Amino acid sequence: MATIGDKIRELRLKRGISQEKLGDSTGISQSYLSDIELNKGNVDAEDLWKIATALDFPIWQFYPGYRSELPQRRHHEIRD
């Protein structure tokens, strides 16, 4: 199963973006991006959000088992 780091690397390469350019657009150092892609550490939520935004990729799709549709909510009538 692909890790978050694997997915970031795959998306970055598909879009033809270097680690340096991604780092410049996110404010994340190239060495930290490299560590993330090589699964040498955990990426925090804020940095993952920056990366997902820069790659134009919904953040929730980084997680296995995501659901593309939210369950339907039942609306309850409010009575006086």
Protein backbone atom coordinates (compact mmCIF):
# COMPACT_ATOMS: atom_id res chain seq x y z
CA MET A 1 0.00 0.00 0.00
CA ALA A 2 1.32 3.42 -0.93
CA THR A 3 2.22 5.75 1.92
CA ILE A 4 1.48 9.47 2.09
CA GLY A 5 5.10 10.11 1.14
CA ASP A 6 4.79 7.81 -1.88
CA LYS A 7 1.64 9.59 -3.00
CA ILE A 8 3.22 13.05 -2.62
CA ARG A 9 6.20 11.98 -4.73
CA GLU A 10 3.94 10.41 -7.37
CA LEU A 11 1.77 13.53 -7.65
CA ARG A 12 4.76 15.87 -7.68
CA LEU A 13 6.46 13.94 -10.47
CA LYS A 14 3.24 13.65 -12.52
CA ARG A 15 2.91 17.42 -12.35
CA GLY A 16 6.55 17.96 -13.27
CA ILE A 17 7.32 19.84 -10.06
CA SER A 18 10.73 19.64 -8.40
CA GLN A 19 11.10 19.35 -4.64
CA GLU A 20 12.71 22.78 -4.73
CA LYS A 21 9.72 24.34 -6.49
CA LEU A 22 7.25 22.58 -4.19
CA GLY A 23 9.27 23.79 -1.23
CA ASP A 24 9.23 27.36 -2.50
CA SER A 25 5.45 27.30 -2.99
CA THR A 26 4.73 25.75 0.42
CA GLY A 27 7.46 27.24 2.60
CA ILE A 28 8.65 23.71 3.43
CA SER A 29 12.35 22.94 3.11
CA GLN A 30 13.51 20.66 0.31
CA SER A 31 15.25 18.37 2.83
CA TYR A 32 12.02 17.97 4.84
CA LEU A 33 10.07 17.23 1.64
CA SER A 34 12.66 14.61 0.76
CA ASP A 35 12.30 13.01 4.20
CA ILE A 36 8.50 12.97 3.82
CA GLU A 37 8.70 11.35 0.38
CA LEU A 38 11.20 8.77 1.65
CA ASN A 39 8.94 8.01 4.63
CA LYS A 40 11.66 9.02 7.09
CA GLY A 41 9.29 10.96 9.30
CA ASN A 42 5.73 11.99 9.83
CA VAL A 43 4.23 14.97 8.10
CA ASP A 44 2.04 17.15 10.30
CA ALA A 45 -1.46 18.19 9.27
CA GLU A 46 -0.52 21.79 8.49
CA ASP A 47 2.32 20.79 6.17
CA LEU A 48 0.21 18.11 4.49
CA TRP A 49 -2.46 20.76 3.86
CA LYS A 50 0.15 23.06 2.26
CA ILE A 51 1.45 20.24 0.07
CA ALA A 52 -2.03 19.08 -0.95
CA THR A 53 -3.01 22.64 -1.84
CA ALA A 54 0.15 23.20 -3.88
CA LEU A 55 -0.41 19.91 -5.74
CA ASP A 56 -4.13 20.67 -6.20
CA PHE A 57 -5.06 17.38 -4.53
CA PRO A 58 -7.81 16.89 -1.93
CA ILE A 59 -6.10 16.21 1.40
CA TRP A 60 -8.54 13.45 2.39
CA GLN A 61 -7.43 11.35 -0.60
CA PHE A 62 -4.02 10.82 1.02
CA TYR A 63 -5.64 8.48 3.54
CA PRO A 64 -6.46 4.86 2.69
CA GLY A 65 -10.10 3.94 2.97
CA TYR A 66 -11.34 7.46 2.31
CA ARG A 67 -14.92 7.77 1.22
CA SER A 68 -15.59 9.91 -1.78
CA GLU A 69 -19.16 10.47 -0.70
CA LEU A 70 -20.34 11.55 2.69
CA PRO A 71 -23.23 9.62 4.20
CA GLN A 72 -26.63 11.17 3.79
CA ARG A 73 -27.89 12.98 6.85
CA ARG A 74 -31.46 12.62 7.90
CA HIS A 75 -33.15 15.88 8.56
CA HIS A 76 -35.35 15.86 11.61
CA GLU A 77 -38.26 18.16 11.88
CA ILE A 78 -38.05 20.51 14.81
CA ARG A 79 -41.30 20.90 16.64
CA ASP A 80 -42.40 23.52 19.12
